[in-house]
Amino acid sequence: MTDDLRNRGLDAWADFFETLNHDTLDRLPALTVPEVRFRDPFNDAHGRDAVRAVLAHTLDGCRDLRFTVTHRLFAPDLAILRWRFEATVTGIGRMDVIGTSEVRQADDGRVAEHVDHWDSGEHVYLRLPLLGAPLRLIQGRLGTVQPVAGRRKRQSPTSMVPARKPASQ
């Protein structure tokens, strides 16, 4: 694959996400190989129809959805996209997520695999009513950063260690 094919293919893929709506889903065949794989923290879709279903579900569950690709990096066998996702998500509320995607391309520049990396714990699980409270408790016990009235307060490492009882003589 030439660099020109890679660049054009990746630019078209980034544009696809930046203009994502139900009508643009028809562009998937031109942008992807038939057996394309799309994976994110909630999905592992194989094939164009499955990828289309995941993206349609995303569009159905979001208002004011906006992807902005901020960086494109090339390695010999893959490209990395850094992006920002903004939307109001049903059951979650307003989301503003920074993430990255590993994109592998076929020889003609079309996308063969797209794997998203972003913190679903912070942006989804901790915000769910029944799941969020116990997860925040676990997070507070494991981390050195404690939530305080909507902000996080840094604790010293020694404050996390229980005090020892004096040894009996």
C-alpha atoms as a PDB file:
ATOM      1  CA  MET A   1       0.000   0.000   0.000  1.00  0.00           C
ATOM      2  CA  THR A   2       1.348   3.399  -0.904  1.00  0.00           C
ATOM      3  CA  ASP A   3       1.433   6.291   1.511  1.00  0.00           C
ATOM      4  CA  ASP A   4      -0.985   8.139  -0.762  1.00  0.00           C
ATOM      5  CA  LEU A   5      -3.566   5.320  -0.494  1.00  0.00           C
ATOM      6  CA  ARG A   6      -3.109   5.178   3.285  1.00  0.00           C
ATOM      7  CA  ASN A   7      -3.518   8.943   3.663  1.00  0.00           C
ATOM      8  CA  ARG A   8      -6.580   9.135   1.421  1.00  0.00           C
ATOM      9  CA  GLY A   9      -8.177   6.119   3.111  1.00  0.00           C
ATOM     10  CA  LEU A  10      -7.545   7.448   6.601  1.00  0.00           C
ATOM     11  CA  ASP A  11      -8.710  10.951   5.678  1.00  0.00           C
ATOM     12  CA  ALA A  12     -11.946   9.482   4.269  1.00  0.00           C
ATOM     13  CA  TRP A  13     -12.424   7.371   7.434  1.00  0.00           C
ATOM     14  CA  ALA A  14     -11.846  10.379   9.716  1.00  0.00           C
ATOM     15  CA  ASP A  15     -14.269  12.448   7.608  1.00  0.00           C
ATOM     16  CA  PHE A  16     -16.828   9.643   7.877  1.00  0.00           C
ATOM     17  CA  PHE A  17     -16.796   9.897  11.683  1.00  0.00           C
ATOM     18  CA  GLU A  18     -16.715  13.698  11.706  1.00  0.00           C
ATOM     19  CA  THR A  19     -19.861  13.772   9.537  1.00  0.00           C
ATOM     20  CA  LEU A  20     -21.497  10.665  11.025  1.00  0.00           C
ATOM     21  CA  ASN A  21     -25.274  10.480  10.677  1.00  0.00           C
ATOM     22  CA  HIS A  22     -27.774   7.889   9.460  1.00  0.00           C
ATOM     23  CA  ASP A  23     -27.333   8.975   5.821  1.00  0.00           C
ATOM     24  CA  THR A  24     -23.531   8.672   5.851  1.00  0.00           C
ATOM     25  CA  LEU A  25     -23.732   5.016   6.963  1.00  0.00           C
ATOM     26  CA  ASP A  26     -24.259   4.210   3.261  1.00  0.00           C
ATOM     27  CA  ARG A  27     -20.582   5.136   2.716  1.00  0.00           C
ATOM     28  CA  LEU A  28     -19.337   2.095   4.687  1.00  0.00           C
ATOM     29  CA  PRO A  29     -18.858  -0.191   1.633  1.00  0.00           C
ATOM     30  CA  ALA A  30     -16.572   2.340  -0.064  1.00  0.00           C
ATOM     31  CA  LEU A  31     -14.530   2.888   3.112  1.00  0.00           C
ATOM     32  CA  THR A  32     -14.177  -0.632   4.533  1.00  0.00           C
ATOM     33  CA  VAL A  33     -13.367  -4.179   3.497  1.00  0.00           C
ATOM     34  CA  PRO A  34     -16.352  -6.587   3.705  1.00  0.00           C
ATOM     35  CA  GLU A  35     -14.994  -8.327   6.821  1.00  0.00           C
ATOM     36  CA  VAL A  36     -14.151  -5.097   8.678  1.00  0.00           C
ATOM     37  CA  ARG A  37     -13.880  -5.329  12.461  1.00  0.00           C
ATOM     38  CA  PHE A  38     -14.975  -2.536  14.793  1.00  0.00           C
ATOM     39  CA  ARG A  39     -14.272  -2.832  18.509  1.00  0.00           C
ATOM     40  CA  ASP A  40     -14.877  -0.435  21.377  1.00  0.00           C
ATOM     41  CA  PRO A  41     -15.454  -0.961  25.122  1.00  0.00           C
ATOM     42  CA  PHE A  42     -19.009  -2.203  24.450  1.00  0.00           C
ATOM     43  CA  ASN A  43     -18.942  -3.829  21.019  1.00  0.00           C
ATOM     44  CA  ASP A  44     -16.931  -6.223  18.899  1.00  0.00           C
ATOM     45  CA  ALA A  45     -18.550  -6.148  15.464  1.00  0.00           C
ATOM     46  CA  HIS A  46     -17.371  -8.167  12.466  1.00  0.00           C
ATOM     47  CA  GLY A  47     -18.537  -7.302   8.956  1.00  0.00           C
ATOM     48  CA  ARG A  48     -20.081  -4.182   7.454  1.00  0.00           C
ATOM     49  CA  ASP A  49     -23.647  -4.997   8.503  1.00  0.00           C
ATOM     50  CA  ALA A  50     -22.608  -5.466  12.127  1.00  0.00           C
ATOM     51  CA  VAL A  51     -20.521  -2.262  12.106  1.00  0.00           C
ATOM     52  CA  ARG A  52     -23.420  -0.379  10.554  1.00  0.00           C
ATOM     53  CA  ALA A  53     -25.735  -1.698  13.301  1.00  0.00           C
ATOM     54  CA  VAL A  54     -23.335  -0.530  16.043  1.00  0.00           C
ATOM     55  CA  LEU A  55     -23.028   2.940  14.524  1.00  0.00           C
ATOM     56  CA  ALA A  56     -26.799   3.209  13.947  1.00  0.00           C
ATOM     57  CA  HIS A  57     -27.379   2.230  17.590  1.00  0.00           C
ATOM     58  CA  THR A  58     -24.908   4.927  18.664  1.00  0.00           C
ATOM     59  CA  LEU A  59     -26.695   7.523  16.552  1.00  0.00           C
ATOM     60  CA  ASP A  60     -30.085   6.443  17.939  1.00  0.00           C
ATOM     61  CA  GLY A  61     -28.874   6.822  21.537  1.00  0.00           C
ATOM     62  CA  CYS A  62     -27.197  10.214  21.156  1.00  0.00           C
ATOM     63  CA  ARG A  63     -28.272  13.791  20.610  1.00  0.00           C
ATOM     64  CA  ASP A  64     -25.944  16.479  19.298  1.00  0.00           C
ATOM     65  CA  LEU A  65     -23.297  13.866  18.473  1.00  0.00           C
ATOM     66  CA  ARG A  66     -19.990  15.224  17.289  1.00  0.00           C
ATOM     67  CA  PHE A  67     -16.669  13.525  16.576  1.00  0.00           C
ATOM     68  CA  THR A  68     -13.593  15.646  16.000  1.00  0.00           C
ATOM     69  CA  VAL A  69     -10.396  13.952  14.853  1.00  0.00           C
ATOM     70  CA  THR A  70      -7.524  15.956  16.292  1.00  0.00           C
ATOM     71  CA  HIS A  71      -4.480  13.857  15.333  1.00  0.00           C
ATOM     72  CA  ARG A  72      -3.438  11.273  12.753  1.00  0.00           C
ATOM     73  CA  LEU A  73      -0.286   9.236  13.304  1.00  0.00           C
ATOM     74  CA  PHE A  74       1.129   6.537  11.051  1.00  0.00           C
ATOM     75  CA  ALA A  75       3.171   3.509  12.058  1.00  0.00           C
ATOM     76  CA  PRO A  76       4.323   0.939   9.489  1.00  0.00           C
ATOM     77  CA  ASP A  77       1.343  -1.394  10.012  1.00  0.00           C
ATOM     78  CA  LEU A  78      -1.389   0.862  11.442  1.00  0.00           C
ATOM     79  CA  ALA A  79      -2.605   4.397  11.936  1.00  0.00           C
ATOM     80  CA  ILE A  80      -3.690   6.048  15.164  1.00  0.00           C
ATOM     81  CA  LEU A  81      -6.487   8.585  15.332  1.00  0.00           C
ATOM     82  CA  ARG A  82      -6.925  10.763  18.383  1.00  0.00           C
ATOM     83  CA  TRP A  83     -10.434  12.126  18.675  1.00  0.00           C
ATOM     84  CA  ARG A  84     -12.964  13.901  20.808  1.00  0.00           C
ATOM     85  CA  PHE A  85     -16.535  12.616  21.117  1.00  0.00           C
ATOM     86  CA  GLU A  86     -19.242  14.951  22.362  1.00  0.00           C
ATOM     87  CA  ALA A  87     -22.903  14.005  22.738  1.00  0.00           C
ATOM     88  CA  THR A  88     -25.842  13.827  25.066  1.00  0.00           C
ATOM     89  CA  VAL A  89     -26.351  10.122  25.657  1.00  0.00           C
ATOM     90  CA  THR A  90     -29.647   8.604  26.769  1.00  0.00           C
ATOM     91  CA  GLY A  91     -29.380   7.476  30.410  1.00  0.00           C
ATOM     92  CA  ILE A  92     -25.913   8.999  30.885  1.00  0.00           C
ATOM     93  CA  GLY A  93     -26.184  12.692  30.079  1.00  0.00           C
ATOM     94  CA  ARG A  94     -23.596  14.907  28.454  1.00  0.00           C
ATOM     95  CA  MET A  95     -20.374  13.146  27.479  1.00  0.00           C
ATOM     96  CA  ASP A  96     -17.099  14.697  26.407  1.00  0.00           C
ATOM     97  CA  VAL A  97     -14.579  11.923  25.754  1.00  0.00           C
ATOM     98  CA  ILE A  98     -11.029  11.997  24.428  1.00  0.00           C
ATOM     99  CA  GLY A  99      -9.983   8.686  22.914  1.00  0.00           C
ATOM    100  CA  THR A 100      -7.812   6.981  20.343  1.00  0.00           C
ATOM    101  CA  SER A 101      -8.450   4.468  17.615  1.00  0.00           C
ATOM    102  CA  GLU A 102      -6.079   1.950  16.066  1.00  0.00           C
ATOM    103  CA  VAL A 103      -6.903   1.701  12.382  1.00  0.00           C
ATOM    104  CA  ARG A 104      -5.538  -1.070  10.168  1.00  0.00           C
ATOM    105  CA  GLN A 105      -5.975  -0.643   6.452  1.00  0.00           C
ATOM    106  CA  ALA A 106      -6.111  -3.008   3.489  1.00  0.00           C
ATOM    107  CA  ASP A 107      -3.722  -2.548   0.573  1.00  0.00           C
ATOM    108  CA  ASP A 108      -6.214  -0.272  -1.197  1.00  0.00           C
ATOM    109  CA  GLY A 109      -6.496   2.059   1.843  1.00  0.00           C
ATOM    110  CA  ARG A 110      -9.911   0.826   3.013  1.00  0.00           C
ATOM    111  CA  VAL A 111     -10.328   0.135   6.730  1.00  0.00           C
ATOM    112  CA  ALA A 112      -9.928  -3.492   7.791  1.00  0.00           C
ATOM    113  CA  GLU A 113      -9.980  -2.957  11.571  1.00  0.00           C
ATOM    114  CA  HIS A 114     -10.892  -0.100  13.884  1.00  0.00           C
ATOM    115  CA  VAL A 115     -10.273  -0.502  17.631  1.00  0.00           C
ATOM    116  CA  ASP A 116     -11.317   2.304  19.993  1.00  0.00           C
ATOM    117  CA  HIS A 117      -9.620   3.019  23.309  1.00  0.00           C
ATOM    118  CA  TRP A 118     -11.314   5.299  25.838  1.00  0.00           C
ATOM    119  CA  ASP A 119     -12.162   5.260  29.541  1.00  0.00           C
ATOM    120  CA  SER A 120     -15.642   3.728  29.741  1.00  0.00           C
ATOM    121  CA  GLY A 121     -15.361   3.532  33.533  1.00  0.00           C
ATOM    122  CA  GLU A 122     -15.074   7.274  33.994  1.00  0.00           C
ATOM    123  CA  HIS A 123     -17.460   8.266  31.240  1.00  0.00           C
ATOM    124  CA  VAL A 124     -20.156   5.598  31.605  1.00  0.00           C
ATOM    125  CA  TYR A 125     -19.976   3.126  34.507  1.00  0.00           C
ATOM    126  CA  LEU A 126     -19.254   5.676  37.249  1.00  0.00           C
ATOM    127  CA  ARG A 127     -22.216   7.750  36.046  1.00  0.00           C
ATOM    128  CA  LEU A 128     -24.818   4.970  36.222  1.00  0.00           C
ATOM    129  CA  PRO A 129     -27.137   5.307  39.240  1.00  0.00           C
ATOM    130  CA  LEU A 130     -26.934   1.769  40.651  1.00  0.00           C
ATOM    131  CA  LEU A 131     -23.448   0.864  39.492  1.00  0.00           C
ATOM    132  CA  GLY A 132     -21.697   4.197  39.976  1.00  0.00           C
ATOM    133  CA  ALA A 133     -21.845   4.439  43.785  1.00  0.00           C
ATOM    134  CA  PRO A 134     -20.152   1.090  44.527  1.00  0.00           C
ATOM    135  CA  LEU A 135     -17.594   1.693  41.779  1.00  0.00           C
ATOM    136  CA  ARG A 136     -16.747   5.120  43.205  1.00  0.00           C
ATOM    137  CA  LEU A 137     -16.307   3.495  46.624  1.00  0.00           C
ATOM    138  CA  ILE A 138     -13.923   0.907  45.164  1.00  0.00           C
ATOM    139  CA  GLN A 139     -12.109   3.603  43.213  1.00  0.00           C
ATOM    140  CA  GLY A 140     -11.707   5.647  46.391  1.00  0.00           C
ATOM    141  CA  ARG A 141     -10.243   2.726  48.297  1.00  0.00           C
ATOM    142  CA  LEU A 142      -7.802   1.716  45.564  1.00  0.00           C
ATOM    143  CA  GLY A 143      -6.628   5.142  44.424  1.00  0.00           C
ATOM    144  CA  THR A 144      -4.696   7.913  46.047  1.00  0.00           C
ATOM    145  CA  VAL A 145      -7.026  10.525  44.574  1.00  0.00           C
ATOM    146  CA  GLN A 146     -10.259  10.892  46.517  1.00  0.00           C
ATOM    147  CA  PRO A 147     -13.442  12.575  45.249  1.00  0.00           C
ATOM    148  CA  VAL A 148     -14.391  15.638  47.311  1.00  0.00           C
ATOM    149  CA  ALA A 149     -17.619  17.546  46.567  1.00  0.00           C
ATOM    150  CA  GLY A 150     -17.389  17.047  42.821  1.00  0.00           C
ATOM    151  CA  ARG A 151     -13.608  17.569  42.755  1.00  0.00           C
ATOM    152  CA  ARG A 152     -10.772  15.202  43.401  1.00  0.00           C
ATOM    153  CA  LYS A 153      -8.381  15.804  46.281  1.00  0.00           C
ATOM    154  CA  ARG A 154      -4.867  14.378  46.247  1.00  0.00           C
ATOM    155  CA  GLN A 155      -3.892  12.387  49.324  1.00  0.00           C
ATOM    156  CA  SER A 156      -0.373  11.661  50.402  1.00  0.00           C
ATOM    157  CA  PRO A 157       0.704   8.055  49.829  1.00  0.00           C
ATOM    158  CA  THR A 158       1.096   7.464  53.552  1.00  0.00           C
ATOM    159  CA  SER A 159      -2.475   8.516  54.299  1.00  0.00           C
ATOM    160  CA  MET A 160      -3.673   5.373  52.521  1.00  0.00           C
ATOM    161  CA  VAL A 161      -1.723   3.074  54.858  1.00  0.00           C
ATOM    162  CA  PRO A 162      -3.597   2.085  58.033  1.00  0.00           C
ATOM    163  CA  ALA A 163      -1.936   3.187  61.261  1.00  0.00           C
ATOM    164  CA  ARG A 164      -0.111   0.412  63.105  1.00  0.00           C
ATOM    165  CA  LYS A 165      -0.954  -0.447  66.648  1.00  0.00           C
ATOM    166  CA  PRO A 166       1.974  -0.074  69.004  1.00  0.00           C
ATOM    167  CA  ALA A 167       3.687  -3.374  69.755  1.00  0.00           C
ATOM    168  CA  SER A 168       2.957  -4.796  73.196  1.00  0.00           C
ATOM    169  CA  GLN A 169       5.924  -5.095  75.485  1.00  0.00           C
END
